[in-house]
Amino acid sequence: MATSIPSLLRRSFLLQTLALAAAPVWLAACSRERTLALGIHPWIGYESIYLAREFGWLPTGIDLHEGKVAQDTLAALQAGRLDAACLTLDEVLSARAAGVALTVVLVFDVSAGADVLLARPGIPRLEDLAGKRIAVERSAVGGLMLAQALEAAGLAAEAVTVLDLRQDAMPDAWRAGRIDAAICYEPTASLLRREGAVALFDSRRLPDTIYDVLAVRGDRLPGREEALRALIAAHFRGLEHVRRNREDALYRIAQRQGVHVAEVRRALAGVSLPDAGGNRHHFMGPLDAAARRLNALMVQHGLLPRTDGLQALFDPSHLPGESGAP
């Protein structure tokens, strides 16, 4: 606090009493200023954050708001309840189109097979999806994956019936026979594979396109820079645990997600997890190229109302320095 204890002792008893009475309110206000409300939902690329929390590495200035799916995070962002969020790059573009000024400050992962279109065993080819019911989460990734899969199959959008389903609702819909295929990601993908689902299309067909990132609201960043840097440092510490103590990390992730260790291992094989140096590489060109490619694809398929100008979209200044120190 700006006022020292000796100076307080030189004041009158009344002033001391008033200052002490006001202190909890003042400290609470400071705490709110320092706290960064982070939206997060289950995804293998975000597990570094959950591991950091489990090991006590997550700074006290971070307030996790856990949703079940990406829509929960996006809704909380638009309602003003979040300062930052774990999202895909295309979801960031969608949020910006809706008026939420987001800036990407970290790359969690690049999908390389983790996002997948799964179908029942009796549907062996993409072309066989004609006339079938496909569950798709109302998100940019879901829409983009569907559009690209149909294009690869040579099918028009009208050739299939699209059902808007959240990821957590897909397993029950599958068991009830209400859907023939689903565009999903972990842990939903593993749950559907247990039911016999087979992969027809995955994000390897869209290389360097589906990025998972940490995005911050520009209007909420002032006063939270220290918390943001500490969060990013905690992420890299969690990521290091995945690399150095992989078996331990696999079991912890499997227990938290309620899946088998083998399924976590397969999920991790479907993503690239860049360290600080890898992040700097992506910010030096590939991330911008992906944003421009997504811009065009999303406008083309009606997933964005207009092209994003990409101003203030990226800011790598909060990443650790070359030495690895924050």
C-alpha atoms as a PDB file:
ATOM      1  CA  MET A   1       0.000   0.000   0.000  1.00  0.00           C
ATOM      2  CA  ALA A   2       1.133   3.563  -0.629  1.00  0.00           C
ATOM      3  CA  THR A   3       0.767   4.586   3.055  1.00  0.00           C
ATOM      4  CA  SER A   4       3.432   3.176   5.395  1.00  0.00           C
ATOM      5  CA  ILE A   5       2.800   1.808   8.903  1.00  0.00           C
ATOM      6  CA  PRO A   6       4.947   4.531  10.586  1.00  0.00           C
ATOM      7  CA  SER A   7       2.961   7.303   8.922  1.00  0.00           C
ATOM      8  CA  LEU A   8      -0.278   5.693  10.030  1.00  0.00           C
ATOM      9  CA  LEU A   9       0.976   5.692  13.623  1.00  0.00           C
ATOM     10  CA  ARG A  10       1.473   9.460  13.455  1.00  0.00           C
ATOM     11  CA  ARG A  11      -2.155  10.009  12.556  1.00  0.00           C
ATOM     12  CA  SER A  12      -5.098  10.353  14.841  1.00  0.00           C
ATOM     13  CA  PHE A  13      -6.903   7.305  16.153  1.00  0.00           C
ATOM     14  CA  LEU A  14      -9.957   8.235  14.066  1.00  0.00           C
ATOM     15  CA  LEU A  15      -7.972   8.310  10.835  1.00  0.00           C
ATOM     16  CA  GLN A  16      -6.350   4.993  11.719  1.00  0.00           C
ATOM     17  CA  THR A  17      -9.754   3.442  12.317  1.00  0.00           C
ATOM     18  CA  LEU A  18     -11.137   4.755   9.039  1.00  0.00           C
ATOM     19  CA  ALA A  19      -8.101   3.563   7.114  1.00  0.00           C
ATOM     20  CA  LEU A  20      -8.269   0.092   8.628  1.00  0.00           C
ATOM     21  CA  ALA A  21     -11.984  -0.140   7.966  1.00  0.00           C
ATOM     22  CA  ALA A  22     -11.471   0.805   4.329  1.00  0.00           C
ATOM     23  CA  ALA A  23      -8.473  -1.481   3.829  1.00  0.00           C
ATOM     24  CA  PRO A  24     -10.422  -4.700   3.099  1.00  0.00           C
ATOM     25  CA  VAL A  25     -12.448  -2.913   0.416  1.00  0.00           C
ATOM     26  CA  TRP A  26      -9.312  -1.355  -1.090  1.00  0.00           C
ATOM     27  CA  LEU A  27      -7.441  -4.661  -1.049  1.00  0.00           C
ATOM     28  CA  ALA A  28     -10.405  -6.457  -2.609  1.00  0.00           C
ATOM     29  CA  ALA A  29     -10.448  -3.880  -5.400  1.00  0.00           C
ATOM     30  CA  CYS A  30      -6.726  -4.397  -5.979  1.00  0.00           C
ATOM     31  CA  SER A  31      -7.260  -8.143  -6.012  1.00  0.00           C
ATOM     32  CA  ARG A  32      -9.963  -7.791  -8.646  1.00  0.00           C
ATOM     33  CA  GLU A  33      -7.664  -5.660 -10.749  1.00  0.00           C
ATOM     34  CA  ARG A  34      -4.899  -8.258 -10.585  1.00  0.00           C
ATOM     35  CA  THR A  35      -7.123 -11.303 -11.142  1.00  0.00           C
ATOM     36  CA  LEU A  36      -7.449 -12.604 -14.689  1.00  0.00           C
ATOM     37  CA  ALA A  37     -10.661 -14.538 -15.369  1.00  0.00           C
ATOM     38  CA  LEU A  38      -9.799 -17.342 -17.803  1.00  0.00           C
ATOM     39  CA  GLY A  39     -12.369 -19.392 -19.702  1.00  0.00           C
ATOM     40  CA  ILE A  40     -11.408 -23.000 -20.377  1.00  0.00           C
ATOM     41  CA  HIS A  41     -13.110 -26.242 -21.426  1.00  0.00           C
ATOM     42  CA  PRO A  42     -11.954 -29.863 -21.892  1.00  0.00           C
ATOM     43  CA  TRP A  43      -9.407 -30.317 -24.684  1.00  0.00           C
ATOM     44  CA  ILE A  44      -6.113 -32.171 -24.761  1.00  0.00           C
ATOM     45  CA  GLY A  45      -4.190 -29.023 -25.703  1.00  0.00           C
ATOM     46  CA  TYR A  46      -5.336 -27.201 -22.558  1.00  0.00           C
ATOM     47  CA  GLU A  47      -4.271 -29.947 -20.157  1.00  0.00           C
ATOM     48  CA  SER A  48      -1.096 -28.008 -19.303  1.00  0.00           C
ATOM     49  CA  ILE A  49      -3.313 -25.512 -17.456  1.00  0.00           C
ATOM     50  CA  TYR A  50      -5.112 -28.227 -15.498  1.00  0.00           C
ATOM     51  CA  LEU A  51      -1.787 -29.878 -14.629  1.00  0.00           C
ATOM     52  CA  ALA A  52      -0.415 -26.524 -13.465  1.00  0.00           C
ATOM     53  CA  ARG A  53      -3.430 -26.136 -11.189  1.00  0.00           C
ATOM     54  CA  GLU A  54      -3.059 -29.680  -9.852  1.00  0.00           C
ATOM     55  CA  PHE A  55       0.597 -29.127  -8.952  1.00  0.00           C
ATOM     56  CA  GLY A  56       0.017 -25.669  -7.489  1.00  0.00           C
ATOM     57  CA  TRP A  57       1.894 -23.882 -10.280  1.00  0.00           C
ATOM     58  CA  LEU A  58      -1.086 -21.787 -11.354  1.00  0.00           C
ATOM     59  CA  PRO A  59      -0.701 -18.257  -9.925  1.00  0.00           C
ATOM     60  CA  THR A  60      -3.263 -16.986  -7.444  1.00  0.00           C
ATOM     61  CA  GLY A  61      -4.116 -14.166  -9.834  1.00  0.00           C
ATOM     62  CA  ILE A  62      -5.800 -16.614 -12.236  1.00  0.00           C
ATOM     63  CA  ASP A  63      -9.487 -17.414 -11.837  1.00  0.00           C
ATOM     64  CA  LEU A  64     -10.468 -20.434 -13.956  1.00  0.00           C
ATOM     65  CA  HIS A  65     -14.011 -20.463 -15.346  1.00  0.00           C
ATOM     66  CA  GLU A  66     -14.602 -24.028 -16.516  1.00  0.00           C
ATOM     67  CA  GLY A  67     -17.159 -24.776 -19.195  1.00  0.00           C
ATOM     68  CA  LYS A  68     -18.054 -28.098 -20.764  1.00  0.00           C
ATOM     69  CA  VAL A  69     -17.620 -27.007 -24.387  1.00  0.00           C
ATOM     70  CA  ALA A  70     -16.315 -24.059 -26.382  1.00  0.00           C
ATOM     71  CA  GLN A  71     -19.771 -22.461 -26.599  1.00  0.00           C
ATOM     72  CA  ASP A  72     -19.753 -22.001 -22.824  1.00  0.00           C
ATOM     73  CA  THR A  73     -16.492 -20.073 -23.056  1.00  0.00           C
ATOM     74  CA  LEU A  74     -17.667 -17.949 -25.992  1.00  0.00           C
ATOM     75  CA  ALA A  75     -20.939 -17.119 -24.245  1.00  0.00           C
ATOM     76  CA  ALA A  76     -19.089 -16.051 -21.089  1.00  0.00           C
ATOM     77  CA  LEU A  77     -16.747 -13.886 -23.179  1.00  0.00           C
ATOM     78  CA  GLN A  78     -19.615 -12.106 -24.896  1.00  0.00           C
ATOM     79  CA  ALA A  79     -21.345 -11.613 -21.541  1.00  0.00           C
ATOM     80  CA  GLY A  80     -18.206  -9.870 -20.242  1.00  0.00           C
ATOM     81  CA  ARG A  81     -17.464 -12.456 -17.544  1.00  0.00           C
ATOM     82  CA  LEU A  82     -14.012 -13.349 -18.891  1.00  0.00           C
ATOM     83  CA  ASP A  83     -10.774 -11.485 -19.476  1.00  0.00           C
ATOM     84  CA  ALA A  84      -9.150 -14.261 -21.502  1.00  0.00           C
ATOM     85  CA  ALA A  85     -10.071 -17.599 -23.031  1.00  0.00           C
ATOM     86  CA  CYS A  86      -8.690 -20.842 -24.430  1.00  0.00           C
ATOM     87  CA  LEU A  87     -10.100 -21.054 -27.960  1.00  0.00           C
ATOM     88  CA  THR A  88      -9.352 -22.156 -31.482  1.00  0.00           C
ATOM     89  CA  LEU A  89      -8.064 -19.454 -33.798  1.00  0.00           C
ATOM     90  CA  ASP A  90     -11.237 -19.522 -35.868  1.00  0.00           C
ATOM     91  CA  GLU A  91     -13.319 -19.119 -32.694  1.00  0.00           C
ATOM     92  CA  VAL A  92     -11.221 -16.039 -31.939  1.00  0.00           C
ATOM     93  CA  LEU A  93     -12.145 -14.667 -35.374  1.00  0.00           C
ATOM     94  CA  SER A  94     -15.808 -15.453 -34.723  1.00  0.00           C
ATOM     95  CA  ALA A  95     -15.693 -13.691 -31.346  1.00  0.00           C
ATOM     96  CA  ARG A  96     -14.031 -10.642 -32.918  1.00  0.00           C
ATOM     97  CA  ALA A  97     -16.774 -10.549 -35.550  1.00  0.00           C
ATOM     98  CA  ALA A  98     -19.277 -10.494 -32.657  1.00  0.00           C
ATOM     99  CA  GLY A  99     -17.565  -7.450 -31.162  1.00  0.00           C
ATOM    100  CA  VAL A 100     -15.189  -9.027 -28.606  1.00  0.00           C
ATOM    101  CA  ALA A 101     -11.731  -7.506 -29.176  1.00  0.00           C
ATOM    102  CA  LEU A 102      -9.451 -10.503 -28.689  1.00  0.00           C
ATOM    103  CA  THR A 103      -5.692 -10.723 -29.141  1.00  0.00           C
ATOM    104  CA  VAL A 104      -3.791 -14.023 -29.361  1.00  0.00           C
ATOM    105  CA  VAL A 105      -0.844 -14.180 -26.946  1.00  0.00           C
ATOM    106  CA  LEU A 106       0.035 -17.909 -26.909  1.00  0.00           C
ATOM    107  CA  VAL A 107      -0.269 -21.018 -29.082  1.00  0.00           C
ATOM    108  CA  PHE A 108      -1.344 -24.067 -27.087  1.00  0.00           C
ATOM    109  CA  ASP A 109      -1.310 -26.538 -29.971  1.00  0.00           C
ATOM    110  CA  VAL A 110      -1.817 -27.148 -33.666  1.00  0.00           C
ATOM    111  CA  SER A 111      -4.304 -29.888 -34.521  1.00  0.00           C
ATOM    112  CA  ALA A 112      -2.815 -32.657 -36.646  1.00  0.00           C
ATOM    113  CA  GLY A 113      -5.535 -35.304 -36.568  1.00  0.00           C
ATOM    114  CA  ALA A 114      -7.178 -34.607 -33.212  1.00  0.00           C
ATOM    115  CA  ASP A 115     -10.289 -33.049 -34.806  1.00  0.00           C
ATOM    116  CA  VAL A 116     -12.074 -35.842 -36.640  1.00  0.00           C
ATOM    117  CA  LEU A 117     -15.213 -36.898 -38.503  1.00  0.00           C
ATOM    118  CA  LEU A 118     -16.299 -40.294 -37.150  1.00  0.00           C
ATOM    119  CA  ALA A 119     -18.985 -42.482 -38.718  1.00  0.00           C
ATOM    120  CA  ARG A 120     -20.701 -45.787 -38.079  1.00  0.00           C
ATOM    121  CA  PRO A 121     -18.910 -48.890 -39.435  1.00  0.00           C
ATOM    122  CA  GLY A 122     -21.489 -49.240 -42.234  1.00  0.00           C
ATOM    123  CA  ILE A 123     -20.349 -45.917 -43.701  1.00  0.00           C
ATOM    124  CA  PRO A 124     -16.870 -46.692 -45.043  1.00  0.00           C
ATOM    125  CA  ARG A 125     -16.333 -43.662 -47.331  1.00  0.00           C
ATOM    126  CA  LEU A 126     -16.998 -39.943 -47.209  1.00  0.00           C
ATOM    127  CA  GLU A 127     -19.250 -40.281 -50.269  1.00  0.00           C
ATOM    128  CA  ASP A 128     -21.468 -42.646 -48.258  1.00  0.00           C
ATOM    129  CA  LEU A 129     -22.452 -39.788 -45.950  1.00  0.00           C
ATOM    130  CA  ALA A 130     -25.093 -38.755 -48.492  1.00  0.00           C
ATOM    131  CA  GLY A 131     -28.490 -38.834 -46.814  1.00  0.00           C
ATOM    132  CA  LYS A 132     -26.955 -39.369 -43.373  1.00  0.00           C
ATOM    133  CA  ARG A 133     -27.313 -37.427 -40.099  1.00  0.00           C
ATOM    134  CA  ILE A 134     -24.119 -35.702 -38.956  1.00  0.00           C
ATOM    135  CA  ALA A 135     -23.737 -34.192 -35.499  1.00  0.00           C
ATOM    136  CA  VAL A 136     -21.769 -30.944 -35.558  1.00  0.00           C
ATOM    137  CA  GLU A 137     -21.081 -28.619 -32.668  1.00  0.00           C
ATOM    138  CA  ARG A 138     -22.121 -25.029 -33.363  1.00  0.00           C
ATOM    139  CA  SER A 139     -18.584 -23.719 -33.688  1.00  0.00           C
ATOM    140  CA  ALA A 140     -16.276 -22.490 -36.387  1.00  0.00           C
ATOM    141  CA  VAL A 141     -14.133 -25.639 -36.217  1.00  0.00           C
ATOM    142  CA  GLY A 142     -17.191 -27.852 -36.609  1.00  0.00           C
ATOM    143  CA  GLY A 143     -18.488 -25.827 -39.531  1.00  0.00           C
ATOM    144  CA  LEU A 144     -15.095 -25.695 -41.181  1.00  0.00           C
ATOM    145  CA  MET A 145     -14.478 -29.436 -40.761  1.00  0.00           C
ATOM    146  CA  LEU A 146     -17.933 -30.224 -42.175  1.00  0.00           C
ATOM    147  CA  ALA A 147     -17.486 -27.921 -45.154  1.00  0.00           C
ATOM    148  CA  GLN A 148     -14.063 -29.369 -45.991  1.00  0.00           C
ATOM    149  CA  ALA A 149     -15.229 -32.981 -45.527  1.00  0.00           C
ATOM    150  CA  LEU A 150     -18.229 -32.466 -47.815  1.00  0.00           C
ATOM    151  CA  GLU A 151     -16.013 -30.786 -50.381  1.00  0.00           C
ATOM    152  CA  ALA A 152     -13.622 -33.744 -50.273  1.00  0.00           C
ATOM    153  CA  ALA A 153     -16.599 -36.089 -50.715  1.00  0.00           C
ATOM    154  CA  GLY A 154     -18.008 -34.083 -53.604  1.00  0.00           C
ATOM    155  CA  LEU A 155     -21.280 -33.612 -51.709  1.00  0.00           C
ATOM    156  CA  ALA A 156     -23.433 -30.502 -51.489  1.00  0.00           C
ATOM    157  CA  ALA A 157     -24.436 -29.239 -48.059  1.00  0.00           C
ATOM    158  CA  GLU A 158     -28.027 -30.295 -48.812  1.00  0.00           C
ATOM    159  CA  ALA A 159     -26.917 -33.915 -49.261  1.00  0.00           C
ATOM    160  CA  VAL A 160     -26.654 -34.451 -45.493  1.00  0.00           C
ATOM    161  CA  THR A 161     -28.740 -33.639 -42.435  1.00  0.00           C
ATOM    162  CA  VAL A 162     -26.781 -31.601 -39.933  1.00  0.00           C
ATOM    163  CA  LEU A 163     -27.756 -31.819 -36.259  1.00  0.00           C
ATOM    164  CA  ASP A 164     -26.447 -29.100 -33.949  1.00  0.00           C
ATOM    165  CA  LEU A 165     -25.142 -30.958 -30.902  1.00  0.00           C
ATOM    166  CA  ARG A 166     -22.713 -30.061 -28.156  1.00  0.00           C
ATOM    167  CA  GLN A 167     -19.720 -32.351 -27.799  1.00  0.00           C
ATOM    168  CA  ASP A 168     -20.930 -33.677 -24.457  1.00  0.00           C
ATOM    169  CA  ALA A 169     -24.303 -34.647 -25.998  1.00  0.00           C
ATOM    170  CA  MET A 170     -22.870 -36.673 -28.894  1.00  0.00           C
ATOM    171  CA  PRO A 171     -22.199 -39.995 -27.110  1.00  0.00           C
ATOM    172  CA  ASP A 172     -25.812 -40.312 -25.908  1.00  0.00           C
ATOM    173  CA  ALA A 173     -27.133 -39.352 -29.354  1.00  0.00           C
ATOM    174  CA  TRP A 174     -24.883 -41.993 -30.898  1.00  0.00           C
ATOM    175  CA  ARG A 175     -26.042 -44.736 -28.522  1.00  0.00           C
ATOM    176  CA  ALA A 176     -29.669 -43.768 -29.125  1.00  0.00           C
ATOM    177  CA  GLY A 177     -29.176 -44.119 -32.884  1.00  0.00           C
ATOM    178  CA  ARG A 178     -30.075 -40.490 -33.593  1.00  0.00           C
ATOM    179  CA  ILE A 179     -26.897 -39.750 -35.550  1.00  0.00           C
ATOM    180  CA  ASP A 180     -24.845 -41.574 -38.183  1.00  0.00           C
ATOM    181  CA  ALA A 181     -21.659 -39.527 -37.911  1.00  0.00           C
ATOM    182  CA  ALA A 182     -20.113 -36.806 -35.773  1.00  0.00           C
ATOM    183  CA  ILE A 183     -17.445 -34.158 -36.055  1.00  0.00           C
ATOM    184  CA  CYS A 184     -15.718 -34.169 -32.693  1.00  0.00           C
ATOM    185  CA  TYR A 185     -12.524 -33.989 -30.681  1.00  0.00           C
ATOM    186  CA  GLU A 186     -11.173 -35.509 -27.480  1.00  0.00           C
ATOM    187  CA  PRO A 187     -12.446 -36.793 -25.150  1.00  0.00           C
ATOM    188  CA  THR A 188     -15.661 -37.233 -27.192  1.00  0.00           C
ATOM    189  CA  ALA A 189     -13.785 -38.886 -30.057  1.00  0.00           C
ATOM    190  CA  SER A 190     -12.475 -41.649 -27.793  1.00  0.00           C
ATOM    191  CA  LEU A 191     -15.924 -42.258 -26.334  1.00  0.00           C
ATOM    192  CA  LEU A 192     -17.410 -42.692 -29.831  1.00  0.00           C
ATOM    193  CA  ARG A 193     -14.561 -44.953 -30.939  1.00  0.00           C
ATOM    194  CA  ARG A 194     -15.456 -47.236 -28.032  1.00  0.00           C
ATOM    195  CA  GLU A 195     -18.908 -47.504 -29.645  1.00  0.00           C
ATOM    196  CA  GLY A 196     -17.345 -48.653 -32.930  1.00  0.00           C
ATOM    197  CA  ALA A 197     -17.019 -45.315 -34.740  1.00  0.00           C
ATOM    198  CA  VAL A 198     -14.455 -45.138 -37.540  1.00  0.00           C
ATOM    199  CA  ALA A 199     -12.578 -42.085 -38.829  1.00  0.00           C
ATOM    200  CA  LEU A 200     -13.335 -40.798 -42.340  1.00  0.00           C
ATOM    201  CA  PHE A 201     -11.704 -37.362 -42.194  1.00  0.00           C
ATOM    202  CA  ASP A 202      -9.477 -35.514 -39.763  1.00  0.00           C
ATOM    203  CA  SER A 203      -7.533 -32.295 -39.318  1.00  0.00           C
ATOM    204  CA  ARG A 204      -4.452 -33.707 -41.040  1.00  0.00           C
ATOM    205  CA  ARG A 205      -6.331 -32.737 -44.215  1.00  0.00           C
ATOM    206  CA  LEU A 206      -6.200 -29.115 -42.994  1.00  0.00           C
ATOM    207  CA  PRO A 207      -2.518 -28.713 -42.052  1.00  0.00           C
ATOM    208  CA  ASP A 208      -1.503 -25.661 -39.982  1.00  0.00           C
ATOM    209  CA  THR A 209      -5.107 -24.472 -39.936  1.00  0.00           C
ATOM    210  CA  ILE A 210      -6.680 -25.411 -36.597  1.00  0.00           C
ATOM    211  CA  TYR A 211      -4.754 -23.639 -33.847  1.00  0.00           C
ATOM    212  CA  ASP A 212      -5.688 -23.651 -30.178  1.00  0.00           C
ATOM    213  CA  VAL A 213      -4.633 -20.391 -28.588  1.00  0.00           C
ATOM    214  CA  LEU A 214      -4.826 -18.211 -25.515  1.00  0.00           C
ATOM    215  CA  ALA A 215      -6.660 -15.014 -26.405  1.00  0.00           C
ATOM    216  CA  VAL A 216      -7.025 -11.923 -24.206  1.00  0.00           C
ATOM    217  CA  ARG A 217      -9.517  -9.074 -24.375  1.00  0.00           C
ATOM    218  CA  GLY A 218      -7.510  -5.974 -25.193  1.00  0.00           C
ATOM    219  CA  ASP A 219      -9.681  -3.763 -22.996  1.00  0.00           C
ATOM    220  CA  ARG A 220      -9.094  -6.056 -19.987  1.00  0.00           C
ATOM    221  CA  LEU A 221      -5.319  -6.420 -20.288  1.00  0.00           C
ATOM    222  CA  PRO A 222      -4.088  -3.234 -18.543  1.00  0.00           C
ATOM    223  CA  GLY A 223      -3.285  -4.106 -14.929  1.00  0.00           C
ATOM    224  CA  ARG A 224      -3.277  -7.836 -15.647  1.00  0.00           C
ATOM    225  CA  GLU A 225       0.003  -8.160 -17.519  1.00  0.00           C
ATOM    226  CA  GLU A 226       1.763  -9.770 -14.564  1.00  0.00           C
ATOM    227  CA  ALA A 227      -0.999 -12.346 -14.112  1.00  0.00           C
ATOM    228  CA  LEU A 228      -0.923 -13.107 -17.841  1.00  0.00           C
ATOM    229  CA  ARG A 229       2.828 -13.689 -17.877  1.00  0.00           C
ATOM    230  CA  ALA A 230       2.554 -15.908 -14.809  1.00  0.00           C
ATOM    231  CA  LEU A 231      -0.232 -17.901 -16.503  1.00  0.00           C
ATOM    232  CA  ILE A 232       1.871 -18.410 -19.624  1.00  0.00           C
ATOM    233  CA  ALA A 233       4.837 -19.493 -17.473  1.00  0.00           C
ATOM    234  CA  ALA A 234       2.567 -21.993 -15.674  1.00  0.00           C
ATOM    235  CA  HIS A 235       1.425 -23.375 -19.036  1.00  0.00           C
ATOM    236  CA  PHE A 236       4.996 -24.017 -20.142  1.00  0.00           C
ATOM    237  CA  ARG A 237       5.755 -25.652 -16.794  1.00  0.00           C
ATOM    238  CA  GLY A 238       2.759 -27.968 -17.269  1.00  0.00           C
ATOM    239  CA  LEU A 239       3.865 -28.688 -20.828  1.00  0.00           C
ATOM    240  CA  GLU A 240       7.339 -29.560 -19.585  1.00  0.00           C
ATOM    241  CA  HIS A 241       5.795 -32.067 -17.171  1.00  0.00           C
ATOM    242  CA  VAL A 242       4.010 -33.735 -20.103  1.00  0.00           C
ATOM    243  CA  ARG A 243       7.347 -34.081 -21.883  1.00  0.00           C
ATOM    244  CA  ARG A 244       9.599 -35.092 -18.995  1.00  0.00           C
ATOM    245  CA  ASN A 245       7.111 -37.188 -16.981  1.00  0.00           C
ATOM    246  CA  ARG A 246       4.857 -38.422 -19.760  1.00  0.00           C
ATOM    247  CA  GLU A 247       3.466 -41.520 -18.062  1.00  0.00           C
ATOM    248  CA  ASP A 248       2.535 -39.569 -14.945  1.00  0.00           C
ATOM    249  CA  ALA A 249       0.916 -36.888 -17.099  1.00  0.00           C
ATOM    250  CA  LEU A 250      -0.971 -39.502 -19.134  1.00  0.00           C
ATOM    251  CA  TYR A 251      -2.495 -41.050 -16.031  1.00  0.00           C
ATOM    252  CA  ARG A 252      -3.420 -37.688 -14.529  1.00  0.00           C
ATOM    253  CA  ILE A 253      -5.065 -36.518 -17.753  1.00  0.00           C
ATOM    254  CA  ALA A 254      -6.901 -39.815 -18.216  1.00  0.00           C
ATOM    255  CA  GLN A 255      -8.261 -39.674 -14.666  1.00  0.00           C
ATOM    256  CA  ARG A 256      -9.411 -36.074 -15.063  1.00  0.00           C
ATOM    257  CA  GLN A 257     -11.063 -36.647 -18.450  1.00  0.00           C
ATOM    258  CA  GLY A 258     -12.533 -40.020 -17.547  1.00  0.00           C
ATOM    259  CA  VAL A 259     -10.866 -41.869 -20.450  1.00  0.00           C
ATOM    260  CA  HIS A 260      -8.237 -44.585 -20.860  1.00  0.00           C
ATOM    261  CA  VAL A 261      -4.514 -43.840 -20.863  1.00  0.00           C
ATOM    262  CA  ALA A 262      -4.232 -45.244 -24.401  1.00  0.00           C
ATOM    263  CA  GLU A 263      -6.869 -42.768 -25.520  1.00  0.00           C
ATOM    264  CA  VAL A 264      -4.930 -39.870 -24.002  1.00  0.00           C
ATOM    265  CA  ARG A 265      -1.789 -41.106 -25.754  1.00  0.00           C
ATOM    266  CA  ARG A 266      -3.657 -41.142 -29.086  1.00  0.00           C
ATOM    267  CA  ALA A 267      -5.070 -37.669 -28.429  1.00  0.00           C
ATOM    268  CA  LEU A 268      -1.615 -36.255 -27.733  1.00  0.00           C
ATOM    269  CA  ALA A 269      -0.368 -37.838 -30.961  1.00  0.00           C
ATOM    270  CA  GLY A 270      -2.979 -35.760 -32.808  1.00  0.00           C
ATOM    271  CA  VAL A 271      -1.600 -32.380 -31.745  1.00  0.00           C
ATOM    272  CA  SER A 272       1.660 -30.476 -31.944  1.00  0.00           C
ATOM    273  CA  LEU A 273       2.478 -28.733 -28.639  1.00  0.00           C
ATOM    274  CA  PRO A 274       4.976 -25.909 -29.269  1.00  0.00           C
ATOM    275  CA  ASP A 275       7.312 -24.764 -26.505  1.00  0.00           C
ATOM    276  CA  ALA A 276       8.322 -21.108 -26.117  1.00  0.00           C
ATOM    277  CA  GLY A 277      10.673 -21.307 -29.107  1.00  0.00           C
ATOM    278  CA  GLY A 278       7.982 -23.016 -31.174  1.00  0.00           C
ATOM    279  CA  ASN A 279       5.551 -20.290 -30.177  1.00  0.00           C
ATOM    280  CA  ARG A 280       7.905 -17.601 -31.389  1.00  0.00           C
ATOM    281  CA  HIS A 281       8.223 -19.490 -34.687  1.00  0.00           C
ATOM    282  CA  HIS A 282       4.438 -19.588 -35.159  1.00  0.00           C
ATOM    283  CA  PHE A 283       4.113 -15.888 -34.346  1.00  0.00           C
ATOM    284  CA  MET A 284       6.769 -15.082 -36.959  1.00  0.00           C
ATOM    285  CA  GLY A 285       4.590 -16.152 -39.877  1.00  0.00           C
ATOM    286  CA  PRO A 286       2.655 -19.452 -39.771  1.00  0.00           C
ATOM    287  CA  LEU A 287       0.006 -18.122 -37.368  1.00  0.00           C
ATOM    288  CA  ASP A 288      -0.666 -15.074 -39.531  1.00  0.00           C
ATOM    289  CA  ALA A 289      -0.831 -17.267 -42.637  1.00  0.00           C
ATOM    290  CA  ALA A 290      -3.333 -19.561 -40.884  1.00  0.00           C
ATOM    291  CA  ALA A 291      -5.480 -16.580 -39.862  1.00  0.00           C
ATOM    292  CA  ARG A 292      -5.577 -15.325 -43.441  1.00  0.00           C
ATOM    293  CA  ARG A 293      -6.437 -18.792 -44.742  1.00  0.00           C
ATOM    294  CA  LEU A 294      -9.169 -19.197 -42.117  1.00  0.00           C
ATOM    295  CA  ASN A 295     -10.495 -15.740 -42.915  1.00  0.00           C
ATOM    296  CA  ALA A 296     -11.017 -16.689 -46.538  1.00  0.00           C
ATOM    297  CA  LEU A 297     -12.415 -20.154 -45.801  1.00  0.00           C
ATOM    298  CA  MET A 298     -14.831 -18.920 -43.145  1.00  0.00           C
ATOM    299  CA  VAL A 299     -16.180 -16.100 -45.305  1.00  0.00           C
ATOM    300  CA  GLN A 300     -16.475 -18.506 -48.256  1.00  0.00           C
ATOM    301  CA  HIS A 301     -18.503 -20.988 -46.202  1.00  0.00           C
ATOM    302  CA  GLY A 302     -20.624 -18.368 -44.440  1.00  0.00           C
ATOM    303  CA  LEU A 303     -18.933 -18.826 -41.072  1.00  0.00           C
ATOM    304  CA  LEU A 304     -17.895 -15.153 -40.898  1.00  0.00           C
ATOM    305  CA  PRO A 305     -20.073 -12.231 -41.994  1.00  0.00           C
ATOM    306  CA  ARG A 306     -17.040 -10.370 -43.332  1.00  0.00           C
ATOM    307  CA  THR A 307     -13.271 -10.625 -43.512  1.00  0.00           C
ATOM    308  CA  ASP A 308     -11.386  -9.741 -40.328  1.00  0.00           C
ATOM    309  CA  GLY A 309      -8.778  -7.032 -40.883  1.00  0.00           C
ATOM    310  CA  LEU A 310      -6.510  -8.898 -38.402  1.00  0.00           C
ATOM    311  CA  GLN A 311      -5.456  -5.661 -36.665  1.00  0.00           C
ATOM    312  CA  ALA A 312      -4.078  -6.321 -33.163  1.00  0.00           C
ATOM    313  CA  LEU A 313      -4.791 -10.030 -33.598  1.00  0.00           C
ATOM    314  CA  PHE A 314      -1.368 -11.209 -32.400  1.00  0.00           C
ATOM    315  CA  ASP A 315       0.907 -10.132 -29.536  1.00  0.00           C
ATOM    316  CA  PRO A 316       3.811 -12.430 -28.589  1.00  0.00           C
ATOM    317  CA  SER A 317       5.323  -9.933 -26.140  1.00  0.00           C
ATOM    318  CA  HIS A 318       4.148 -11.875 -23.080  1.00  0.00           C
ATOM    319  CA  LEU A 319       6.017 -15.049 -24.035  1.00  0.00           C
ATOM    320  CA  PRO A 320       9.148 -16.021 -22.083  1.00  0.00           C
ATOM    321  CA  GLY A 321      12.385 -14.565 -23.446  1.00  0.00           C
ATOM    322  CA  GLU A 322      15.070 -16.498 -25.248  1.00  0.00           C
ATOM    323  CA  SER A 323      16.507 -17.558 -21.879  1.00  0.00           C
ATOM    324  CA  GLY A 324      13.205 -19.161 -20.920  1.00  0.00           C
ATOM    325  CA  ALA A 325      12.591 -16.687 -18.083  1.00  0.00           C
ATOM    326  CA  PRO A 326       9.301 -14.735 -18.015  1.00  0.00           C
END
